[in-house]
């Protein structure tokens, strides 16, 4: 069984997906980490993230492997490194590159072929696993998402005004929703869940109830 959870940055989808996978005793796939890994590879190569050919060359030669909770890029553990603001900025740009998406979709489907899994991203229910049994689109209003992201940054030692975080999320939303290849949107058969006023536990409970329903 495949469960997909899509949604914008700051919606809580990654945390919800991980906890839901634990509750259901299923594997968890963080597809955002895969895009971040390519973003890091672009930075390491000092390449231009806006150069399609340069990015294509990097993505087809990059090895991405999940080892438990660790993510390996070309054999190196980059689990922590991919969470930096610099990688976040680059990964949001290269995520619109069709070559990047095609390669990572291929890898994601290979992982999905191995059995039961909860996967999160922005196109999991629409493109990667269109036949998934359960699909969810987790969202929240912009301010709620920005406050969550701001708290994450503070935890990492990065202080940014709420207005700056909101602008960054707004720009990311526009890129994700307007890209020509696999734009972010709810699947036609997905359940849309607004988490603006819900706790993570409440969201996980709601999704579990939907999955367990006869």
C-alpha atoms as a PDB file:
ATOM      1  CA  UNK A   1       0.000   0.000   0.000  1.00  0.00           C
ATOM      2  CA  UNK A   2       1.220   3.475  -0.904  1.00  0.00           C
ATOM      3  CA  UNK A   3       0.058   6.550   1.031  1.00  0.00           C
ATOM      4  CA  UNK A   4       0.911   9.930  -0.499  1.00  0.00           C
ATOM      5  CA  UNK A   5       1.041  13.228   1.378  1.00  0.00           C
ATOM      6  CA  UNK A   6       1.590  16.330  -0.716  1.00  0.00           C
ATOM      7  CA  UNK A   7       1.552  19.986   0.228  1.00  0.00           C
ATOM      8  CA  UNK A   8       3.471  23.268   0.352  1.00  0.00           C
ATOM      9  CA  UNK A   9       6.471  24.116   2.521  1.00  0.00           C
ATOM     10  CA  UNK A  10       5.626  24.600   6.181  1.00  0.00           C
ATOM     11  CA  UNK A  11       2.362  22.671   6.007  1.00  0.00           C
ATOM     12  CA  UNK A  12       3.680  19.977   8.333  1.00  0.00           C
ATOM     13  CA  UNK A  13       3.571  17.241   5.711  1.00  0.00           C
ATOM     14  CA  UNK A  14       7.030  15.831   6.450  1.00  0.00           C
ATOM     15  CA  UNK A  15       6.431  15.485  10.185  1.00  0.00           C
ATOM     16  CA  UNK A  16       2.951  14.088   9.624  1.00  0.00           C
ATOM     17  CA  UNK A  17       4.183  11.608   7.023  1.00  0.00           C
ATOM     18  CA  UNK A  18       6.987  10.352   9.261  1.00  0.00           C
ATOM     19  CA  UNK A  19       4.692   9.892  12.270  1.00  0.00           C
ATOM     20  CA  UNK A  20       1.989   8.276  10.155  1.00  0.00           C
ATOM     21  CA  UNK A  21       4.513   5.822   8.736  1.00  0.00           C
ATOM     22  CA  UNK A  22       5.608   4.922  12.267  1.00  0.00           C
ATOM     23  CA  UNK A  23       2.020   4.398  13.367  1.00  0.00           C
ATOM     24  CA  UNK A  24       1.213   2.210  10.366  1.00  0.00           C
ATOM     25  CA  UNK A  25       4.543   0.347  10.586  1.00  0.00           C
ATOM     26  CA  UNK A  26       5.401   1.384   7.044  1.00  0.00           C
ATOM     27  CA  UNK A  27       8.467   2.842   5.375  1.00  0.00           C
ATOM     28  CA  UNK A  28       8.777   6.617   5.068  1.00  0.00           C
ATOM     29  CA  UNK A  29      10.088   8.406   1.975  1.00  0.00           C
ATOM     30  CA  UNK A  30      11.208  12.026   2.276  1.00  0.00           C
ATOM     31  CA  UNK A  31      11.301  13.088  -1.372  1.00  0.00           C
ATOM     32  CA  UNK A  32      12.179  16.645  -0.421  1.00  0.00           C
ATOM     33  CA  UNK A  33      15.495  15.348   0.900  1.00  0.00           C
ATOM     34  CA  UNK A  34      16.235  13.939  -2.547  1.00  0.00           C
ATOM     35  CA  UNK A  35      15.789  17.345  -4.196  1.00  0.00           C
ATOM     36  CA  UNK A  36      17.905  18.889  -1.455  1.00  0.00           C
ATOM     37  CA  UNK A  37      20.641  16.364  -2.194  1.00  0.00           C
ATOM     38  CA  UNK A  38      20.738  17.459  -5.824  1.00  0.00           C
ATOM     39  CA  UNK A  39      20.750  21.077  -4.672  1.00  0.00           C
ATOM     40  CA  UNK A  40      23.764  20.322  -2.493  1.00  0.00           C
ATOM     41  CA  UNK A  41      25.490  18.580  -5.404  1.00  0.00           C
ATOM     42  CA  UNK A  42      24.956  21.705  -7.516  1.00  0.00           C
ATOM     43  CA  UNK A  43      26.517  23.851  -4.791  1.00  0.00           C
ATOM     44  CA  UNK A  44      29.446  21.474  -4.379  1.00  0.00           C
ATOM     45  CA  UNK A  45      30.097  21.636  -8.120  1.00  0.00           C
ATOM     46  CA  UNK A  46      29.863  25.449  -8.052  1.00  0.00           C
ATOM     47  CA  UNK A  47      27.379  25.119 -10.915  1.00  0.00           C
ATOM     48  CA  UNK A  48      24.663  27.570 -11.919  1.00  0.00           C
ATOM     49  CA  UNK A  49      21.345  26.264 -10.599  1.00  0.00           C
ATOM     50  CA  UNK A  50      19.604  28.135 -13.432  1.00  0.00           C
ATOM     51  CA  UNK A  51      21.637  26.357 -16.130  1.00  0.00           C
ATOM     52  CA  UNK A  52      19.535  23.351 -17.251  1.00  0.00           C
ATOM     53  CA  UNK A  53      22.430  21.541 -18.937  1.00  0.00           C
ATOM     54  CA  UNK A  54      24.749  21.929 -15.954  1.00  0.00           C
ATOM     55  CA  UNK A  55      22.067  20.674 -13.570  1.00  0.00           C
ATOM     56  CA  UNK A  56      21.210  17.779 -15.899  1.00  0.00           C
ATOM     57  CA  UNK A  57      24.834  16.668 -15.915  1.00  0.00           C
ATOM     58  CA  UNK A  58      24.880  16.673 -12.125  1.00  0.00           C
ATOM     59  CA  UNK A  59      21.601  14.841 -11.554  1.00  0.00           C
ATOM     60  CA  UNK A  60      22.419  11.969 -13.924  1.00  0.00           C
ATOM     61  CA  UNK A  61      25.767  11.362 -12.222  1.00  0.00           C
ATOM     62  CA  UNK A  62      24.630  11.760  -8.601  1.00  0.00           C
ATOM     63  CA  UNK A  63      24.018   8.698  -6.476  1.00  0.00           C
ATOM     64  CA  UNK A  64      21.263   9.102  -3.873  1.00  0.00           C
ATOM     65  CA  UNK A  65      20.701   6.327  -1.345  1.00  0.00           C
ATOM     66  CA  UNK A  66      18.681   6.189   1.877  1.00  0.00           C
ATOM     67  CA  UNK A  67      20.415   4.246   4.642  1.00  0.00           C
ATOM     68  CA  UNK A  68      17.904   4.132   7.469  1.00  0.00           C
ATOM     69  CA  UNK A  69      17.456   7.745   8.568  1.00  0.00           C
ATOM     70  CA  UNK A  70      20.597   8.812   6.721  1.00  0.00           C
ATOM     71  CA  UNK A  71      20.785  10.175   3.189  1.00  0.00           C
ATOM     72  CA  UNK A  72      23.928   9.397   1.241  1.00  0.00           C
ATOM     73  CA  UNK A  73      25.011  11.507  -1.723  1.00  0.00           C
ATOM     74  CA  UNK A  74      27.685   9.744  -3.753  1.00  0.00           C
ATOM     75  CA  UNK A  75      28.482   7.647  -0.706  1.00  0.00           C
ATOM     76  CA  UNK A  76      28.747  10.583   1.720  1.00  0.00           C
ATOM     77  CA  UNK A  77      26.330  11.175   4.609  1.00  0.00           C
ATOM     78  CA  UNK A  78      24.715  14.563   3.905  1.00  0.00           C
ATOM     79  CA  UNK A  79      21.686  14.181   6.198  1.00  0.00           C
ATOM     80  CA  UNK A  80      22.427  17.369   8.134  1.00  0.00           C
ATOM     81  CA  UNK A  81      24.131  19.310   5.366  1.00  0.00           C
ATOM     82  CA  UNK A  82      21.074  19.316   3.086  1.00  0.00           C
ATOM     83  CA  UNK A  83      19.052  21.264   5.676  1.00  0.00           C
ATOM     84  CA  UNK A  84      21.029  24.501   5.355  1.00  0.00           C
ATOM     85  CA  UNK A  85      19.309  27.678   4.068  1.00  0.00           C
ATOM     86  CA  UNK A  86      21.708  27.735   1.104  1.00  0.00           C
ATOM     87  CA  UNK A  87      20.690  24.249   0.011  1.00  0.00           C
ATOM     88  CA  UNK A  88      17.023  25.096   0.554  1.00  0.00           C
ATOM     89  CA  UNK A  89      17.298  28.075  -1.795  1.00  0.00           C
ATOM     90  CA  UNK A  90      19.022  26.120  -4.567  1.00  0.00           C
ATOM     91  CA  UNK A  91      16.827  23.033  -4.264  1.00  0.00           C
ATOM     92  CA  UNK A  92      13.667  25.105  -4.700  1.00  0.00           C
ATOM     93  CA  UNK A  93      15.034  26.310  -8.045  1.00  0.00           C
ATOM     94  CA  UNK A  94      16.355  23.024  -9.429  1.00  0.00           C
ATOM     95  CA  UNK A  95      13.077  21.318  -8.456  1.00  0.00           C
ATOM     96  CA  UNK A  96      11.527  22.995 -11.509  1.00  0.00           C
ATOM     97  CA  UNK A  97      14.072  21.379 -13.829  1.00  0.00           C
ATOM     98  CA  UNK A  98      12.306  18.585 -15.814  1.00  0.00           C
ATOM     99  CA  UNK A  99      15.466  16.454 -15.917  1.00  0.00           C
ATOM    100  CA  UNK A 100      15.754  16.573 -12.141  1.00  0.00           C
ATOM    101  CA  UNK A 101      12.122  15.660 -11.633  1.00  0.00           C
ATOM    102  CA  UNK A 102      12.200  12.839 -14.175  1.00  0.00           C
ATOM    103  CA  UNK A 103      15.286  11.271 -12.602  1.00  0.00           C
ATOM    104  CA  UNK A 104      14.010  11.558  -9.038  1.00  0.00           C
ATOM    105  CA  UNK A 105      10.535  10.298  -9.963  1.00  0.00           C
ATOM    106  CA  UNK A 106      12.241   7.223 -11.404  1.00  0.00           C
ATOM    107  CA  UNK A 107      14.150   6.672  -8.151  1.00  0.00           C
ATOM    108  CA  UNK A 108      11.037   7.264  -6.037  1.00  0.00           C
ATOM    109  CA  UNK A 109       9.067   4.666  -7.986  1.00  0.00           C
ATOM    110  CA  UNK A 110      11.882   2.170  -7.581  1.00  0.00           C
ATOM    111  CA  UNK A 111      11.716   2.698  -3.820  1.00  0.00           C
ATOM    112  CA  UNK A 112       7.924   2.381  -3.891  1.00  0.00           C
ATOM    113  CA  UNK A 113       8.173  -0.952  -5.697  1.00  0.00           C
ATOM    114  CA  UNK A 114       9.696  -2.447  -2.548  1.00  0.00           C
ATOM    115  CA  UNK A 115       6.409  -2.382  -0.623  1.00  0.00           C
ATOM    116  CA  UNK A 116       4.240  -0.454   1.828  1.00  0.00           C
ATOM    117  CA  UNK A 117       5.271   3.172   2.190  1.00  0.00           C
ATOM    118  CA  UNK A 118       4.167   6.649   3.235  1.00  0.00           C
ATOM    119  CA  UNK A 119       5.708   9.214   0.904  1.00  0.00           C
ATOM    120  CA  UNK A 120       5.622  12.991   1.073  1.00  0.00           C
ATOM    121  CA  UNK A 121       6.336  15.673  -1.502  1.00  0.00           C
ATOM    122  CA  UNK A 122       4.579  17.950  -3.947  1.00  0.00           C
ATOM    123  CA  UNK A 123       3.658  15.586  -6.791  1.00  0.00           C
ATOM    124  CA  UNK A 124       3.412  12.198  -5.127  1.00  0.00           C
ATOM    125  CA  UNK A 125      -0.321  11.737  -5.612  1.00  0.00           C
ATOM    126  CA  UNK A 126      -0.538  13.429  -9.003  1.00  0.00           C
ATOM    127  CA  UNK A 127       2.573  12.198 -10.834  1.00  0.00           C
ATOM    128  CA  UNK A 128       4.722   9.694  -8.968  1.00  0.00           C
ATOM    129  CA  UNK A 129       2.054   7.386  -7.526  1.00  0.00           C
ATOM    130  CA  UNK A 130      -1.229   8.297  -9.267  1.00  0.00           C
ATOM    131  CA  UNK A 131      -2.698   4.900  -8.331  1.00  0.00           C
ATOM    132  CA  UNK A 132      -1.899   5.176  -4.612  1.00  0.00           C
ATOM    133  CA  UNK A 133      -4.671   3.815  -2.398  1.00  0.00           C
ATOM    134  CA  UNK A 134      -4.713   6.824  -0.070  1.00  0.00           C
ATOM    135  CA  UNK A 135      -3.846  10.393  -1.065  1.00  0.00           C
ATOM    136  CA  UNK A 136      -3.726  13.487   1.112  1.00  0.00           C
ATOM    137  CA  UNK A 137      -2.922  17.133   0.434  1.00  0.00           C
ATOM    138  CA  UNK A 138      -1.833  18.858   3.640  1.00  0.00           C
ATOM    139  CA  UNK A 139      -1.885  22.649   3.654  1.00  0.00           C
ATOM    140  CA  UNK A 140      -2.189  25.697   5.949  1.00  0.00           C
ATOM    141  CA  UNK A 141      -2.484  29.445   5.571  1.00  0.00           C
ATOM    142  CA  UNK A 142       0.683  31.376   4.738  1.00  0.00           C
ATOM    143  CA  UNK A 143       1.171  32.959   8.164  1.00  0.00           C
ATOM    144  CA  UNK A 144       0.795  29.648   9.993  1.00  0.00           C
ATOM    145  CA  UNK A 145       3.304  28.005   7.677  1.00  0.00           C
ATOM    146  CA  UNK A 146       5.738  30.906   8.030  1.00  0.00           C
ATOM    147  CA  UNK A 147       5.605  30.768  11.826  1.00  0.00           C
ATOM    148  CA  UNK A 148       6.360  27.052  11.737  1.00  0.00           C
ATOM    149  CA  UNK A 149       9.276  27.552   9.372  1.00  0.00           C
ATOM    150  CA  UNK A 150      10.562  30.433  11.491  1.00  0.00           C
ATOM    151  CA  UNK A 151      10.582  28.178  14.577  1.00  0.00           C
ATOM    152  CA  UNK A 152      12.532  25.548  12.634  1.00  0.00           C
ATOM    153  CA  UNK A 153      15.102  28.147  11.623  1.00  0.00           C
ATOM    154  CA  UNK A 154      15.482  29.429  15.183  1.00  0.00           C
ATOM    155  CA  UNK A 155      16.088  25.859  16.333  1.00  0.00           C
ATOM    156  CA  UNK A 156      18.905  25.686  13.771  1.00  0.00           C
ATOM    157  CA  UNK A 157      20.354  28.977  14.977  1.00  0.00           C
ATOM    158  CA  UNK A 158      19.032  31.065  12.077  1.00  0.00           C
ATOM    159  CA  UNK A 159      17.014  34.179  12.919  1.00  0.00           C
ATOM    160  CA  UNK A 160      14.819  35.660  10.194  1.00  0.00           C
ATOM    161  CA  UNK A 161      11.911  38.118  10.487  1.00  0.00           C
ATOM    162  CA  UNK A 162       8.482  36.597   9.925  1.00  0.00           C
ATOM    163  CA  UNK A 163       7.930  38.883   6.924  1.00  0.00           C
ATOM    164  CA  UNK A 164      11.056  37.520   5.230  1.00  0.00           C
ATOM    165  CA  UNK A 165      10.017  33.924   5.836  1.00  0.00           C
ATOM    166  CA  UNK A 166       6.548  34.669   4.468  1.00  0.00           C
ATOM    167  CA  UNK A 167       8.038  36.186   1.312  1.00  0.00           C
ATOM    168  CA  UNK A 168      10.275  33.151   0.831  1.00  0.00           C
ATOM    169  CA  UNK A 169       7.339  30.761   1.186  1.00  0.00           C
ATOM    170  CA  UNK A 170       5.192  32.856  -1.147  1.00  0.00           C
ATOM    171  CA  UNK A 171       7.890  32.738  -3.813  1.00  0.00           C
ATOM    172  CA  UNK A 172       8.335  28.992  -3.336  1.00  0.00           C
ATOM    173  CA  UNK A 173       4.581  28.456  -3.651  1.00  0.00           C
ATOM    174  CA  UNK A 174       4.541  30.382  -6.923  1.00  0.00           C
ATOM    175  CA  UNK A 175       7.406  28.326  -8.357  1.00  0.00           C
ATOM    176  CA  UNK A 176       5.820  25.054  -7.275  1.00  0.00           C
ATOM    177  CA  UNK A 177       2.329  25.885  -8.490  1.00  0.00           C
ATOM    178  CA  UNK A 178       3.293  27.526 -11.772  1.00  0.00           C
ATOM    179  CA  UNK A 179       6.053  25.250 -13.064  1.00  0.00           C
ATOM    180  CA  UNK A 180       5.209  23.584 -16.356  1.00  0.00           C
ATOM    181  CA  UNK A 181       6.396  20.133 -15.284  1.00  0.00           C
ATOM    182  CA  UNK A 182       4.480  18.459 -12.420  1.00  0.00           C
ATOM    183  CA  UNK A 183       3.052  21.574 -10.725  1.00  0.00           C
ATOM    184  CA  UNK A 184       2.046  21.274  -7.085  1.00  0.00           C
ATOM    185  CA  UNK A 185      -1.686  20.704  -6.710  1.00  0.00           C
ATOM    186  CA  UNK A 186      -4.014  18.283  -4.927  1.00  0.00           C
ATOM    187  CA  UNK A 187      -4.777  15.082  -6.792  1.00  0.00           C
ATOM    188  CA  UNK A 188      -8.408  14.926  -7.890  1.00  0.00           C
ATOM    189  CA  UNK A 189      -9.019  12.077  -5.445  1.00  0.00           C
ATOM    190  CA  UNK A 190      -6.948  13.465  -2.554  1.00  0.00           C
ATOM    191  CA  UNK A 191      -8.360  14.502   0.807  1.00  0.00           C
ATOM    192  CA  UNK A 192      -7.340  18.114   1.488  1.00  0.00           C
ATOM    193  CA  UNK A 193      -6.465  18.756   5.142  1.00  0.00           C
ATOM    194  CA  UNK A 194      -6.000  22.313   6.444  1.00  0.00           C
ATOM    195  CA  UNK A 195      -3.605  22.134   9.388  1.00  0.00           C
ATOM    196  CA  UNK A 196      -3.631  25.865  10.247  1.00  0.00           C
ATOM    197  CA  UNK A 197      -5.411  25.315  13.565  1.00  0.00           C
ATOM    198  CA  UNK A 198      -4.559  21.663  14.158  1.00  0.00           C
ATOM    199  CA  UNK A 199      -1.761  20.022  16.099  1.00  0.00           C
ATOM    200  CA  UNK A 200       0.448  17.446  14.434  1.00  0.00           C
ATOM    201  CA  UNK A 201      -1.168  14.741  16.580  1.00  0.00           C
ATOM    202  CA  UNK A 202      -4.642  15.780  15.427  1.00  0.00           C
ATOM    203  CA  UNK A 203      -3.597  15.615  11.786  1.00  0.00           C
ATOM    204  CA  UNK A 204      -2.015  12.184  12.175  1.00  0.00           C
ATOM    205  CA  UNK A 205      -5.155  10.940  13.946  1.00  0.00           C
ATOM    206  CA  UNK A 206      -7.373  12.278  11.146  1.00  0.00           C
ATOM    207  CA  UNK A 207      -5.308  10.625   8.423  1.00  0.00           C
ATOM    208  CA  UNK A 208      -5.139   7.351  10.329  1.00  0.00           C
ATOM    209  CA  UNK A 209      -8.914   7.357  10.764  1.00  0.00           C
ATOM    210  CA  UNK A 210      -9.390   7.907   7.039  1.00  0.00           C
ATOM    211  CA  UNK A 211      -7.016   5.062   6.157  1.00  0.00           C
ATOM    212  CA  UNK A 212      -8.612   2.680   8.659  1.00  0.00           C
ATOM    213  CA  UNK A 213     -12.155   3.485   7.507  1.00  0.00           C
ATOM    214  CA  UNK A 214     -13.902   0.531   5.810  1.00  0.00           C
END
